[in-house]
Amino acid sequence: MSKNRPQIPIDEPCNWTAADLSSAPKPHYRLDSAMINEIETAARAALAEGRPHYEWRKTDFDLQISRPMLAKAYADIEDGAGFAIVEGWPVDDHSYDMNVAAYGVIASHIGEIKIQNYEGDWVVDVVNADKPYSHTSRGYQSADLLPFHSDGADISGLLGLGEAAWGGETILVSAITLYNIIADERPDVLTILERGFYHHRRGQHPAGEHPLSPNRIPVFAFHNELLHSCYNRNPIEWVRHEGMELTDREIEALDVIDAIVARPELQMSINIGLGEILFFNNFTALHSRTAFEDDANHKRHLVRLWLENPNSKRLGETLLDLYVPGTSRYEGVGATRQ
């Protein structure tokens, strides 16, 4: 670990605060009519072909007009602030299947679509299914506040198909900034965070397998001198349902994280509107969602994709190795769990 650690504080474009983003050009990209027509044509052809979306690759689509813009969006995710917003897709003009197909065409230029759970779903509808966020369910099935965490793949995408009557904002915090602050203010907890924690698998495993991760998963790890973050406090604490207890020092280390990411000056709030797609890098950003309420005319509906890019400079461990073993590219790059 230490031999791969860069100089601290880590200075990368994905090390930002809210003030930094407010004074810099936003990573927003808008589809124009020519791009929309091109993506519509590609999506219809892909649907007619019948292959599942997780087999789609950017080389499958001739997006001569859209490709340069999507390449810039990818550069923001990979080498910039760690996120990008693509907006302007006309969701009201298309069916659900066509919207998701167009989303898949766009996403293929950001990464490879991956299956997200043990049941084999490659696309997840983030809606209020009246299920509490617990060790027996996933957060996307509830309307509760979701604390800051990383998703399972190295890039997440969220397409807006419906907005809540109240709440439901997505909030991003730079994991690089978080690490720098901890290294400055509370370096005593870094050893615990870099050693990591066991995670509850929330039923996402075959019968007979242990409900906890087989190894500790580091909150902060370094590969190729690049920081990779992987954090979700709830599955860490839910190990108690299987008879494992966290120590006081481990709880203190988690409290340090949560206290820092709660600072408003670190937070970027995004309300994902209709036809907007937010892509973000899970290694360099943590995200949260405020609680929300629907009514008869307003129902929050996002479509989530998980993406991985085998050519990324960040090839650390993801939670796909925990929930959907064998689907991540992580094991294929010769890396080992920390």
C-alpha atoms as a PDB file:
ATOM      1  CA  MET A   1       0.000   0.000   0.000  1.00  0.00           C
ATOM      2  CA  SER A   2       2.532   2.615   1.110  1.00  0.00           C
ATOM      3  CA  LYS A   3       4.845   2.086  -1.848  1.00  0.00           C
ATOM      4  CA  ASN A   4       1.953   2.957  -4.182  1.00  0.00           C
ATOM      5  CA  ARG A   5       0.835   6.023  -2.241  1.00  0.00           C
ATOM      6  CA  PRO A   6       1.392   9.385  -3.982  1.00  0.00           C
ATOM      7  CA  GLN A   7       2.510  12.511  -2.206  1.00  0.00           C
ATOM      8  CA  ILE A   8      -0.087  13.892   0.198  1.00  0.00           C
ATOM      9  CA  PRO A   9      -2.100  16.041  -0.286  1.00  0.00           C
ATOM     10  CA  ILE A  10      -3.185  14.399  -3.515  1.00  0.00           C
ATOM     11  CA  ASP A  11      -3.521  16.999  -6.249  1.00  0.00           C
ATOM     12  CA  GLU A  12      -5.796  15.898  -9.103  1.00  0.00           C
ATOM     13  CA  PRO A  13      -8.678  17.619 -10.930  1.00  0.00           C
ATOM     14  CA  CYS A  14     -11.045  15.289  -9.031  1.00  0.00           C
ATOM     15  CA  ASN A  15      -9.891  16.933  -5.788  1.00  0.00           C
ATOM     16  CA  TRP A  16     -12.544  19.651  -5.489  1.00  0.00           C
ATOM     17  CA  THR A  17     -14.886  21.539  -3.202  1.00  0.00           C
ATOM     18  CA  ALA A  18     -18.217  23.170  -3.994  1.00  0.00           C
ATOM     19  CA  ALA A  19     -16.471  26.527  -4.377  1.00  0.00           C
ATOM     20  CA  ASP A  20     -14.049  25.052  -6.910  1.00  0.00           C
ATOM     21  CA  LEU A  21     -16.906  23.791  -9.058  1.00  0.00           C
ATOM     22  CA  SER A  22     -18.851  27.040  -8.819  1.00  0.00           C
ATOM     23  CA  SER A  23     -15.912  28.988 -10.245  1.00  0.00           C
ATOM     24  CA  ALA A  24     -15.047  26.555 -13.058  1.00  0.00           C
ATOM     25  CA  PRO A  25     -16.856  25.466 -16.238  1.00  0.00           C
ATOM     26  CA  LYS A  26     -19.390  22.778 -15.383  1.00  0.00           C
ATOM     27  CA  PRO A  27     -18.991  19.353 -17.013  1.00  0.00           C
ATOM     28  CA  HIS A  28     -22.384  19.674 -18.734  1.00  0.00           C
ATOM     29  CA  TYR A  29     -22.990  18.542 -22.313  1.00  0.00           C
ATOM     30  CA  ARG A  30     -26.201  19.096 -24.275  1.00  0.00           C
ATOM     31  CA  LEU A  31     -27.448  16.919 -27.091  1.00  0.00           C
ATOM     32  CA  ASP A  32     -28.484  18.904 -30.174  1.00  0.00           C
ATOM     33  CA  SER A  33     -31.035  17.772 -32.770  1.00  0.00           C
ATOM     34  CA  ALA A  34     -28.425  16.138 -35.011  1.00  0.00           C
ATOM     35  CA  MET A  35     -27.027  14.147 -32.094  1.00  0.00           C
ATOM     36  CA  ILE A  36     -30.515  13.090 -31.017  1.00  0.00           C
ATOM     37  CA  ASN A  37     -31.371  11.873 -34.521  1.00  0.00           C
ATOM     38  CA  GLU A  38     -28.109   9.949 -34.724  1.00  0.00           C
ATOM     39  CA  ILE A  39     -28.614   8.291 -31.343  1.00  0.00           C
ATOM     40  CA  GLU A  40     -32.253   7.465 -32.176  1.00  0.00           C
ATOM     41  CA  THR A  41     -31.156   5.688 -35.351  1.00  0.00           C
ATOM     42  CA  ALA A  42     -28.473   3.727 -33.508  1.00  0.00           C
ATOM     43  CA  ALA A  43     -30.851   2.769 -30.683  1.00  0.00           C
ATOM     44  CA  ARG A  44     -33.561   1.513 -33.044  1.00  0.00           C
ATOM     45  CA  ALA A  45     -31.060  -0.602 -34.965  1.00  0.00           C
ATOM     46  CA  ALA A  46     -29.624  -2.033 -31.741  1.00  0.00           C
ATOM     47  CA  LEU A  47     -33.083  -2.933 -30.422  1.00  0.00           C
ATOM     48  CA  ALA A  48     -33.948  -4.622 -33.716  1.00  0.00           C
ATOM     49  CA  GLU A  49     -30.757  -6.669 -33.530  1.00  0.00           C
ATOM     50  CA  GLY A  50     -31.836  -8.037 -30.167  1.00  0.00           C
ATOM     51  CA  ARG A  51     -28.522  -8.336 -28.363  1.00  0.00           C
ATOM     52  CA  PRO A  52     -28.605  -7.484 -24.629  1.00  0.00           C
ATOM     53  CA  HIS A  53     -27.381  -4.003 -23.841  1.00  0.00           C
ATOM     54  CA  TYR A  54     -24.465  -5.262 -21.749  1.00  0.00           C
ATOM     55  CA  GLU A  55     -22.922  -6.589 -24.961  1.00  0.00           C
ATOM     56  CA  TRP A  56     -23.042  -3.195 -26.661  1.00  0.00           C
ATOM     57  CA  ARG A  57     -19.731  -1.443 -27.316  1.00  0.00           C
ATOM     58  CA  LYS A  58     -19.046   2.014 -28.718  1.00  0.00           C
ATOM     59  CA  THR A  59     -17.545   0.405 -31.830  1.00  0.00           C
ATOM     60  CA  ASP A  60     -21.029  -0.961 -32.600  1.00  0.00           C
ATOM     61  CA  PHE A  61     -22.381   2.538 -33.251  1.00  0.00           C
ATOM     62  CA  ASP A  62     -21.458   5.052 -35.923  1.00  0.00           C
ATOM     63  CA  LEU A  63     -21.888   8.247 -33.903  1.00  0.00           C
ATOM     64  CA  GLN A  64     -19.812  10.611 -36.003  1.00  0.00           C
ATOM     65  CA  ILE A  65     -21.679  13.671 -34.720  1.00  0.00           C
ATOM     66  CA  SER A  66     -22.058  12.709 -31.054  1.00  0.00           C
ATOM     67  CA  ARG A  67     -18.775  10.907 -30.472  1.00  0.00           C
ATOM     68  CA  PRO A  68     -16.555  13.995 -29.909  1.00  0.00           C
ATOM     69  CA  MET A  69     -18.905  15.366 -27.256  1.00  0.00           C
ATOM     70  CA  LEU A  70     -19.212  12.004 -25.498  1.00  0.00           C
ATOM     71  CA  ALA A  71     -15.425  11.672 -25.543  1.00  0.00           C
ATOM     72  CA  LYS A  72     -15.189  15.001 -23.712  1.00  0.00           C
ATOM     73  CA  ALA A  73     -17.753  13.802 -21.157  1.00  0.00           C
ATOM     74  CA  TYR A  74     -15.727  10.642 -20.609  1.00  0.00           C
ATOM     75  CA  ALA A  75     -12.554  12.715 -20.153  1.00  0.00           C
ATOM     76  CA  ASP A  76     -14.276  14.647 -17.350  1.00  0.00           C
ATOM     77  CA  ILE A  77     -15.187  11.377 -15.630  1.00  0.00           C
ATOM     78  CA  GLU A  78     -11.764   9.771 -16.094  1.00  0.00           C
ATOM     79  CA  ASP A  79      -9.363  12.704 -15.864  1.00  0.00           C
ATOM     80  CA  GLY A  80     -11.433  15.690 -14.707  1.00  0.00           C
ATOM     81  CA  ALA A  81     -13.803  16.352 -11.830  1.00  0.00           C
ATOM     82  CA  GLY A  82     -14.986  12.737 -11.849  1.00  0.00           C
ATOM     83  CA  PHE A  83     -18.486  13.332 -13.189  1.00  0.00           C
ATOM     84  CA  ALA A  84     -20.333  14.636 -16.232  1.00  0.00           C
ATOM     85  CA  ILE A  85     -23.937  15.439 -17.138  1.00  0.00           C
ATOM     86  CA  VAL A  86     -25.367  14.750 -20.594  1.00  0.00           C
ATOM     87  CA  GLU A  87     -28.700  16.513 -21.043  1.00  0.00           C
ATOM     88  CA  GLY A  88     -31.335  17.098 -23.670  1.00  0.00           C
ATOM     89  CA  TRP A  89     -32.569  13.591 -24.442  1.00  0.00           C
ATOM     90  CA  PRO A  90     -36.336  13.869 -25.274  1.00  0.00           C
ATOM     91  CA  VAL A  91     -37.705  11.183 -22.955  1.00  0.00           C
ATOM     92  CA  ASP A  92     -41.335  12.215 -23.506  1.00  0.00           C
ATOM     93  CA  ASP A  93     -41.036  11.419 -27.220  1.00  0.00           C
ATOM     94  CA  HIS A  94     -40.112   7.777 -26.686  1.00  0.00           C
ATOM     95  CA  SER A  95     -41.167   4.566 -24.998  1.00  0.00           C
ATOM     96  CA  TYR A  96     -39.352   3.243 -21.953  1.00  0.00           C
ATOM     97  CA  ASP A  97     -37.514   0.643 -24.045  1.00  0.00           C
ATOM     98  CA  MET A  98     -36.403   3.260 -26.549  1.00  0.00           C
ATOM     99  CA  ASN A  99     -35.239   5.614 -23.807  1.00  0.00           C
ATOM    100  CA  VAL A 100     -33.180   2.872 -22.204  1.00  0.00           C
ATOM    101  CA  ALA A 101     -31.771   1.828 -25.584  1.00  0.00           C
ATOM    102  CA  ALA A 102     -30.670   5.401 -26.338  1.00  0.00           C
ATOM    103  CA  TYR A 103     -29.196   5.564 -22.835  1.00  0.00           C
ATOM    104  CA  GLY A 104     -27.289   2.364 -23.577  1.00  0.00           C
ATOM    105  CA  VAL A 105     -25.912   3.799 -26.824  1.00  0.00           C
ATOM    106  CA  ILE A 106     -24.692   6.896 -24.980  1.00  0.00           C
ATOM    107  CA  ALA A 107     -23.322   4.856 -22.064  1.00  0.00           C
ATOM    108  CA  SER A 108     -21.355   2.579 -24.406  1.00  0.00           C
ATOM    109  CA  HIS A 109     -19.073   5.567 -25.032  1.00  0.00           C
ATOM    110  CA  ILE A 110     -18.428   5.894 -21.289  1.00  0.00           C
ATOM    111  CA  GLY A 111     -17.864   2.238 -20.356  1.00  0.00           C
ATOM    112  CA  GLU A 112     -19.127  -1.337 -20.600  1.00  0.00           C
ATOM    113  CA  ILE A 113     -22.562  -2.003 -19.081  1.00  0.00           C
ATOM    114  CA  LYS A 114     -22.406  -4.543 -16.252  1.00  0.00           C
ATOM    115  CA  ILE A 115     -24.938  -6.728 -14.446  1.00  0.00           C
ATOM    116  CA  GLN A 116     -25.752  -5.099 -11.101  1.00  0.00           C
ATOM    117  CA  ASN A 117     -27.042  -7.838  -8.833  1.00  0.00           C
ATOM    118  CA  TYR A 118     -27.169 -11.559  -8.205  1.00  0.00           C
ATOM    119  CA  GLU A 119     -30.538 -11.737  -9.986  1.00  0.00           C
ATOM    120  CA  GLY A 120     -28.852 -10.682 -13.239  1.00  0.00           C
ATOM    121  CA  ASP A 121     -30.350  -7.216 -13.769  1.00  0.00           C
ATOM    122  CA  TRP A 122     -28.215  -4.982 -15.986  1.00  0.00           C
ATOM    123  CA  VAL A 123     -30.632  -2.058 -15.722  1.00  0.00           C
ATOM    124  CA  VAL A 124     -32.197  -0.937 -12.444  1.00  0.00           C
ATOM    125  CA  ASP A 125     -35.202   1.363 -12.040  1.00  0.00           C
ATOM    126  CA  VAL A 126     -34.582   3.643  -9.077  1.00  0.00           C
ATOM    127  CA  VAL A 127     -38.086   4.246  -7.756  1.00  0.00           C
ATOM    128  CA  ASN A 128     -39.924   4.141  -4.462  1.00  0.00           C
ATOM    129  CA  ALA A 129     -40.925   0.490  -4.112  1.00  0.00           C
ATOM    130  CA  ASP A 130     -41.948   1.040  -0.465  1.00  0.00           C
ATOM    131  CA  LYS A 131     -39.067  -1.088   0.791  1.00  0.00           C
ATOM    132  CA  PRO A 132     -36.958   0.144   3.700  1.00  0.00           C
ATOM    133  CA  TYR A 133     -33.228   0.449   3.161  1.00  0.00           C
ATOM    134  CA  SER A 134     -31.960  -2.497   5.203  1.00  0.00           C
ATOM    135  CA  HIS A 135     -29.647  -5.518   5.175  1.00  0.00           C
ATOM    136  CA  THR A 136     -32.321  -7.396   3.195  1.00  0.00           C
ATOM    137  CA  SER A 137     -32.824  -4.881   0.374  1.00  0.00           C
ATOM    138  CA  ARG A 138     -31.024  -2.379  -1.841  1.00  0.00           C
ATOM    139  CA  GLY A 139     -31.193   1.377  -1.402  1.00  0.00           C
ATOM    140  CA  TYR A 140     -32.676   2.032  -4.836  1.00  0.00           C
ATOM    141  CA  GLN A 141     -35.928   0.381  -3.701  1.00  0.00           C
ATOM    142  CA  SER A 142     -36.686   2.972  -1.021  1.00  0.00           C
ATOM    143  CA  ALA A 143     -37.466   6.672  -0.735  1.00  0.00           C
ATOM    144  CA  ASP A 144     -35.247   7.064   2.321  1.00  0.00           C
ATOM    145  CA  LEU A 145     -32.201   9.248   2.581  1.00  0.00           C
ATOM    146  CA  LEU A 146     -29.188   7.323   1.323  1.00  0.00           C
ATOM    147  CA  PRO A 147     -25.976   8.228   3.156  1.00  0.00           C
ATOM    148  CA  PHE A 148     -22.782   8.869   1.226  1.00  0.00           C
ATOM    149  CA  HIS A 149     -21.453   5.742  -0.428  1.00  0.00           C
ATOM    150  CA  SER A 150     -19.859   4.216  -3.522  1.00  0.00           C
ATOM    151  CA  ASP A 151     -21.814   2.133  -6.020  1.00  0.00           C
ATOM    152  CA  GLY A 152     -20.727  -1.298  -7.162  1.00  0.00           C
ATOM    153  CA  ALA A 153     -18.943  -0.538 -10.432  1.00  0.00           C
ATOM    154  CA  ASP A 154     -16.309   2.035 -11.272  1.00  0.00           C
ATOM    155  CA  ILE A 155     -18.799   4.335 -13.070  1.00  0.00           C
ATOM    156  CA  SER A 156     -22.512   4.845 -12.379  1.00  0.00           C
ATOM    157  CA  GLY A 157     -25.063   6.371 -14.723  1.00  0.00           C
ATOM    158  CA  LEU A 158     -28.461   7.794 -13.770  1.00  0.00           C
ATOM    159  CA  LEU A 159     -31.039   8.765 -16.426  1.00  0.00           C
ATOM    160  CA  GLY A 160     -33.955  10.953 -15.347  1.00  0.00           C
ATOM    161  CA  LEU A 161     -37.398   9.691 -16.423  1.00  0.00           C
ATOM    162  CA  GLY A 162     -39.449  11.254 -13.618  1.00  0.00           C
ATOM    163  CA  GLU A 163     -39.030  13.828 -10.847  1.00  0.00           C
ATOM    164  CA  ALA A 164     -40.245  13.635  -7.268  1.00  0.00           C
ATOM    165  CA  ALA A 165     -42.795  16.003  -5.812  1.00  0.00           C
ATOM    166  CA  TRP A 166     -40.218  16.824  -3.139  1.00  0.00           C
ATOM    167  CA  GLY A 167     -36.572  15.961  -2.497  1.00  0.00           C
ATOM    168  CA  GLY A 168     -34.481  13.303  -4.199  1.00  0.00           C
ATOM    169  CA  GLU A 169     -31.384  15.382  -4.981  1.00  0.00           C
ATOM    170  CA  THR A 170     -28.140  13.553  -5.723  1.00  0.00           C
ATOM    171  CA  ILE A 171     -25.163  14.951  -3.817  1.00  0.00           C
ATOM    172  CA  LEU A 172     -21.537  14.334  -4.753  1.00  0.00           C
ATOM    173  CA  VAL A 173     -18.424  14.734  -2.614  1.00  0.00           C
ATOM    174  CA  SER A 174     -14.868  14.275  -3.847  1.00  0.00           C
ATOM    175  CA  ALA A 175     -13.319  11.163  -2.289  1.00  0.00           C
ATOM    176  CA  ILE A 176      -9.888  12.665  -3.005  1.00  0.00           C
ATOM    177  CA  THR A 177     -10.748  15.780  -0.995  1.00  0.00           C
ATOM    178  CA  LEU A 178     -12.120  13.553   1.772  1.00  0.00           C
ATOM    179  CA  TYR A 179      -8.867  11.597   1.922  1.00  0.00           C
ATOM    180  CA  ASN A 180      -6.756  14.765   2.007  1.00  0.00           C
ATOM    181  CA  ILE A 181      -8.795  16.181   4.888  1.00  0.00           C
ATOM    182  CA  ILE A 182      -8.551  12.951   6.884  1.00  0.00           C
ATOM    183  CA  ALA A 183      -4.795  12.782   6.250  1.00  0.00           C
ATOM    184  CA  ASP A 184      -4.498  16.345   7.559  1.00  0.00           C
ATOM    185  CA  GLU A 185      -6.975  16.322  10.446  1.00  0.00           C
ATOM    186  CA  ARG A 186      -7.211  12.668  11.554  1.00  0.00           C
ATOM    187  CA  PRO A 187      -4.280  10.660  10.167  1.00  0.00           C
ATOM    188  CA  ASP A 188      -4.645   8.277  13.128  1.00  0.00           C
ATOM    189  CA  VAL A 189      -7.681   6.590  11.479  1.00  0.00           C
ATOM    190  CA  LEU A 190      -6.127   6.061   8.035  1.00  0.00           C
ATOM    191  CA  THR A 191      -4.664   2.678   8.970  1.00  0.00           C
ATOM    192  CA  ILE A 192      -8.140   1.435   9.889  1.00  0.00           C
ATOM    193  CA  LEU A 193      -9.710   2.825   6.717  1.00  0.00           C
ATOM    194  CA  GLU A 194      -6.982   1.403   4.487  1.00  0.00           C
ATOM    195  CA  ARG A 195      -7.282  -2.005   6.154  1.00  0.00           C
ATOM    196  CA  GLY A 196     -11.007  -1.843   5.454  1.00  0.00           C
ATOM    197  CA  PHE A 197     -14.108  -3.662   6.666  1.00  0.00           C
ATOM    198  CA  TYR A 198     -16.188  -6.737   6.029  1.00  0.00           C
ATOM    199  CA  HIS A 199     -19.443  -5.988   4.175  1.00  0.00           C
ATOM    200  CA  HIS A 200     -22.880  -7.594   4.481  1.00  0.00           C
ATOM    201  CA  ARG A 201     -23.873  -8.995   1.085  1.00  0.00           C
ATOM    202  CA  ARG A 202     -27.611  -8.257   1.588  1.00  0.00           C
ATOM    203  CA  GLY A 203     -28.711 -11.589   0.193  1.00  0.00           C
ATOM    204  CA  GLN A 204     -26.760 -11.073  -3.049  1.00  0.00           C
ATOM    205  CA  HIS A 205     -25.098 -14.486  -2.977  1.00  0.00           C
ATOM    206  CA  PRO A 206     -25.866 -18.165  -3.667  1.00  0.00           C
ATOM    207  CA  ALA A 207     -27.496 -20.278  -1.000  1.00  0.00           C
ATOM    208  CA  GLY A 208     -24.887 -21.762   1.267  1.00  0.00           C
ATOM    209  CA  GLU A 209     -22.341 -18.985   0.859  1.00  0.00           C
ATOM    210  CA  HIS A 210     -21.483 -16.780   3.812  1.00  0.00           C
ATOM    211  CA  PRO A 211     -23.564 -13.577   3.971  1.00  0.00           C
ATOM    212  CA  LEU A 212     -20.449 -11.466   4.607  1.00  0.00           C
ATOM    213  CA  SER A 213     -17.660 -10.568   2.207  1.00  0.00           C
ATOM    214  CA  PRO A 214     -14.812 -13.092   2.429  1.00  0.00           C
ATOM    215  CA  ASN A 215     -12.233 -10.305   2.901  1.00  0.00           C
ATOM    216  CA  ARG A 216     -12.027  -6.814   4.278  1.00  0.00           C
ATOM    217  CA  ILE A 217     -12.685  -4.146   1.626  1.00  0.00           C
ATOM    218  CA  PRO A 218     -10.511  -1.030   2.003  1.00  0.00           C
ATOM    219  CA  VAL A 219     -12.198   2.355   2.120  1.00  0.00           C
ATOM    220  CA  PHE A 220      -9.027   3.822   0.621  1.00  0.00           C
ATOM    221  CA  ALA A 221      -6.578   1.867  -1.509  1.00  0.00           C
ATOM    222  CA  PHE A 222      -3.820   2.812  -3.915  1.00  0.00           C
ATOM    223  CA  HIS A 223      -3.192   1.211  -7.297  1.00  0.00           C
ATOM    224  CA  ASN A 224      -0.658   2.642  -9.736  1.00  0.00           C
ATOM    225  CA  GLU A 225      -0.182   5.560  -7.324  1.00  0.00           C
ATOM    226  CA  LEU A 226      -3.830   6.516  -7.711  1.00  0.00           C
ATOM    227  CA  LEU A 227      -6.340   6.673  -4.878  1.00  0.00           C
ATOM    228  CA  HIS A 228      -9.382   4.388  -5.142  1.00  0.00           C
ATOM    229  CA  SER A 229     -12.253   4.846  -2.718  1.00  0.00           C
ATOM    230  CA  CYS A 230     -14.895   2.226  -1.848  1.00  0.00           C
ATOM    231  CA  TYR A 231     -17.280   3.110   0.969  1.00  0.00           C
ATOM    232  CA  ASN A 232     -20.745   2.173   2.181  1.00  0.00           C
ATOM    233  CA  ARG A 233     -21.278   2.386   5.927  1.00  0.00           C
ATOM    234  CA  ASN A 234     -24.581   0.542   6.158  1.00  0.00           C
ATOM    235  CA  PRO A 235     -23.348  -2.856   4.842  1.00  0.00           C
ATOM    236  CA  ILE A 236     -20.279  -2.398   7.056  1.00  0.00           C
ATOM    237  CA  GLU A 237     -22.445  -1.978  10.164  1.00  0.00           C
ATOM    238  CA  TRP A 238     -24.950  -4.657   9.138  1.00  0.00           C
ATOM    239  CA  VAL A 239     -22.321  -7.338   9.826  1.00  0.00           C
ATOM    240  CA  ARG A 240     -23.800  -7.300  13.321  1.00  0.00           C
ATOM    241  CA  HIS A 241     -26.749  -9.281  11.935  1.00  0.00           C
ATOM    242  CA  GLU A 242     -24.272 -12.136  11.440  1.00  0.00           C
ATOM    243  CA  GLY A 243     -22.724 -11.870  14.906  1.00  0.00           C
ATOM    244  CA  MET A 244     -19.753  -9.638  14.065  1.00  0.00           C
ATOM    245  CA  GLU A 245     -19.196  -6.417  16.001  1.00  0.00           C
ATOM    246  CA  LEU A 246     -17.149  -3.361  15.060  1.00  0.00           C
ATOM    247  CA  THR A 247     -14.613  -2.053  17.548  1.00  0.00           C
ATOM    248  CA  ASP A 248     -14.899   1.401  19.070  1.00  0.00           C
ATOM    249  CA  ARG A 249     -11.946   2.553  16.955  1.00  0.00           C
ATOM    250  CA  GLU A 250     -13.568   1.257  13.771  1.00  0.00           C
ATOM    251  CA  ILE A 251     -16.786   3.110  14.576  1.00  0.00           C
ATOM    252  CA  GLU A 252     -14.738   6.228  15.307  1.00  0.00           C
ATOM    253  CA  ALA A 253     -13.064   5.978  11.884  1.00  0.00           C
ATOM    254  CA  LEU A 254     -16.454   5.713  10.165  1.00  0.00           C
ATOM    255  CA  ASP A 255     -17.719   8.671  12.180  1.00  0.00           C
ATOM    256  CA  VAL A 256     -14.762  10.721  10.944  1.00  0.00           C
ATOM    257  CA  ILE A 257     -15.770  10.031   7.325  1.00  0.00           C
ATOM    258  CA  ASP A 258     -19.411  10.873   7.894  1.00  0.00           C
ATOM    259  CA  ALA A 259     -18.634  14.087   9.759  1.00  0.00           C
ATOM    260  CA  ILE A 260     -16.393  15.344   6.964  1.00  0.00           C
ATOM    261  CA  VAL A 261     -18.673  14.506   4.022  1.00  0.00           C
ATOM    262  CA  ALA A 262     -21.513  16.284   5.856  1.00  0.00           C
ATOM    263  CA  ARG A 263     -19.702  19.617   5.464  1.00  0.00           C
ATOM    264  CA  PRO A 264     -21.779  21.714   3.034  1.00  0.00           C
ATOM    265  CA  GLU A 265     -18.691  23.288   1.491  1.00  0.00           C
ATOM    266  CA  LEU A 266     -17.678  19.890   0.109  1.00  0.00           C
ATOM    267  CA  GLN A 267     -21.036  19.006  -1.475  1.00  0.00           C
ATOM    268  CA  MET A 268     -22.223  19.335  -5.058  1.00  0.00           C
ATOM    269  CA  SER A 269     -26.030  18.985  -5.255  1.00  0.00           C
ATOM    270  CA  ILE A 270     -27.618  17.816  -8.522  1.00  0.00           C
ATOM    271  CA  ASN A 271     -31.312  17.438  -9.289  1.00  0.00           C
ATOM    272  CA  ILE A 272     -31.420  15.021 -12.219  1.00  0.00           C
ATOM    273  CA  GLY A 273     -34.133  16.327 -14.526  1.00  0.00           C
ATOM    274  CA  LEU A 274     -36.048  14.681 -17.349  1.00  0.00           C
ATOM    275  CA  GLY A 275     -33.722  13.552 -20.111  1.00  0.00           C
ATOM    276  CA  GLU A 276     -30.575  14.240 -18.078  1.00  0.00           C
ATOM    277  CA  ILE A 277     -27.914  11.616 -17.472  1.00  0.00           C
ATOM    278  CA  LEU A 278     -25.433  11.923 -14.637  1.00  0.00           C
ATOM    279  CA  PHE A 279     -22.290   9.792 -14.922  1.00  0.00           C
ATOM    280  CA  PHE A 280     -19.840   9.695 -12.005  1.00  0.00           C
ATOM    281  CA  ASN A 281     -16.666   7.852 -11.066  1.00  0.00           C
ATOM    282  CA  ASN A 282     -17.169   5.763  -7.940  1.00  0.00           C
ATOM    283  CA  PHE A 283     -13.449   5.630  -7.199  1.00  0.00           C
ATOM    284  CA  THR A 284     -13.137   9.416  -6.944  1.00  0.00           C
ATOM    285  CA  ALA A 285     -16.590  10.511  -5.716  1.00  0.00           C
ATOM    286  CA  LEU A 286     -19.005   9.480  -3.007  1.00  0.00           C
ATOM    287  CA  HIS A 287     -22.686  10.169  -3.527  1.00  0.00           C
ATOM    288  CA  SER A 288     -25.783  10.553  -1.421  1.00  0.00           C
ATOM    289  CA  ARG A 289     -29.475  11.009  -2.100  1.00  0.00           C
ATOM    290  CA  THR A 290     -31.869  13.067  -0.055  1.00  0.00           C
ATOM    291  CA  ALA A 291     -35.160  11.511   0.992  1.00  0.00           C
ATOM    292  CA  PHE A 292     -38.039  12.151  -1.381  1.00  0.00           C
ATOM    293  CA  GLU A 293     -41.807  12.050  -1.700  1.00  0.00           C
ATOM    294  CA  ASP A 294     -43.949  11.287  -4.726  1.00  0.00           C
ATOM    295  CA  ASP A 295     -47.516  12.350  -5.405  1.00  0.00           C
ATOM    296  CA  ALA A 296     -50.134  11.570  -8.041  1.00  0.00           C
ATOM    297  CA  ASN A 297     -48.452  13.778 -10.643  1.00  0.00           C
ATOM    298  CA  HIS A 298     -44.793  13.527  -9.705  1.00  0.00           C
ATOM    299  CA  LYS A 299     -42.948  10.230  -9.293  1.00  0.00           C
ATOM    300  CA  ARG A 300     -39.194  10.055  -9.077  1.00  0.00           C
ATOM    301  CA  HIS A 301     -37.836   7.592 -11.629  1.00  0.00           C
ATOM    302  CA  LEU A 302     -34.175   7.185 -12.491  1.00  0.00           C
ATOM    303  CA  VAL A 303     -32.655   4.395 -14.547  1.00  0.00           C
ATOM    304  CA  ARG A 304     -29.299   3.235 -13.245  1.00  0.00           C
ATOM    305  CA  LEU A 305     -26.510   1.638 -15.238  1.00  0.00           C
ATOM    306  CA  TRP A 306     -23.229   0.376 -13.856  1.00  0.00           C
ATOM    307  CA  LEU A 307     -20.244   0.695 -16.165  1.00  0.00           C
ATOM    308  CA  GLU A 308     -16.660  -0.451 -16.174  1.00  0.00           C
ATOM    309  CA  ASN A 309     -13.818   0.484 -18.481  1.00  0.00           C
ATOM    310  CA  PRO A 310     -10.915  -1.968 -18.758  1.00  0.00           C
ATOM    311  CA  ASN A 311      -8.804   0.855 -20.228  1.00  0.00           C
ATOM    312  CA  SER A 312      -9.281   3.167 -17.256  1.00  0.00           C
ATOM    313  CA  LYS A 313      -6.257   4.330 -15.311  1.00  0.00           C
ATOM    314  CA  ARG A 314      -8.149   3.369 -12.136  1.00  0.00           C
ATOM    315  CA  LEU A 315      -8.543  -0.397 -11.954  1.00  0.00           C
ATOM    316  CA  GLY A 316      -9.157  -0.999  -8.277  1.00  0.00           C
ATOM    317  CA  GLU A 317     -11.523  -3.368  -6.559  1.00  0.00           C
ATOM    318  CA  THR A 318     -15.244  -2.753  -6.965  1.00  0.00           C
ATOM    319  CA  LEU A 319     -18.230  -4.183  -5.124  1.00  0.00           C
ATOM    320  CA  LEU A 320     -19.171  -6.129  -8.252  1.00  0.00           C
ATOM    321  CA  ASP A 321     -16.668  -8.669  -6.956  1.00  0.00           C
ATOM    322  CA  LEU A 322     -18.868  -8.990  -3.875  1.00  0.00           C
ATOM    323  CA  TYR A 323     -22.406  -8.940  -5.291  1.00  0.00           C
ATOM    324  CA  VAL A 324     -21.863 -10.381  -8.775  1.00  0.00           C
ATOM    325  CA  PRO A 325     -18.638 -12.436  -8.662  1.00  0.00           C
ATOM    326  CA  GLY A 326     -16.914 -12.959 -11.986  1.00  0.00           C
ATOM    327  CA  THR A 327     -18.466  -9.980 -13.784  1.00  0.00           C
ATOM    328  CA  SER A 328     -15.878  -7.340 -12.875  1.00  0.00           C
ATOM    329  CA  ARG A 329     -12.746  -6.652 -14.876  1.00  0.00           C
ATOM    330  CA  TYR A 330     -10.836  -6.251 -11.604  1.00  0.00           C
ATOM    331  CA  GLU A 331      -9.649  -9.843 -11.348  1.00  0.00           C
ATOM    332  CA  GLY A 332      -8.462  -9.757 -14.940  1.00  0.00           C
ATOM    333  CA  VAL A 333      -5.762  -7.146 -14.420  1.00  0.00           C
ATOM    334  CA  GLY A 334      -3.614  -9.153 -12.057  1.00  0.00           C
ATOM    335  CA  ALA A 335      -4.505  -7.144  -8.985  1.00  0.00           C
ATOM    336  CA  THR A 336      -5.139  -8.742  -5.620  1.00  0.00           C
ATOM    337  CA  ARG A 337      -7.434  -7.787  -2.814  1.00  0.00           C
ATOM    338  CA  GLN A 338      -5.807  -5.637  -0.181  1.00  0.00           C
END
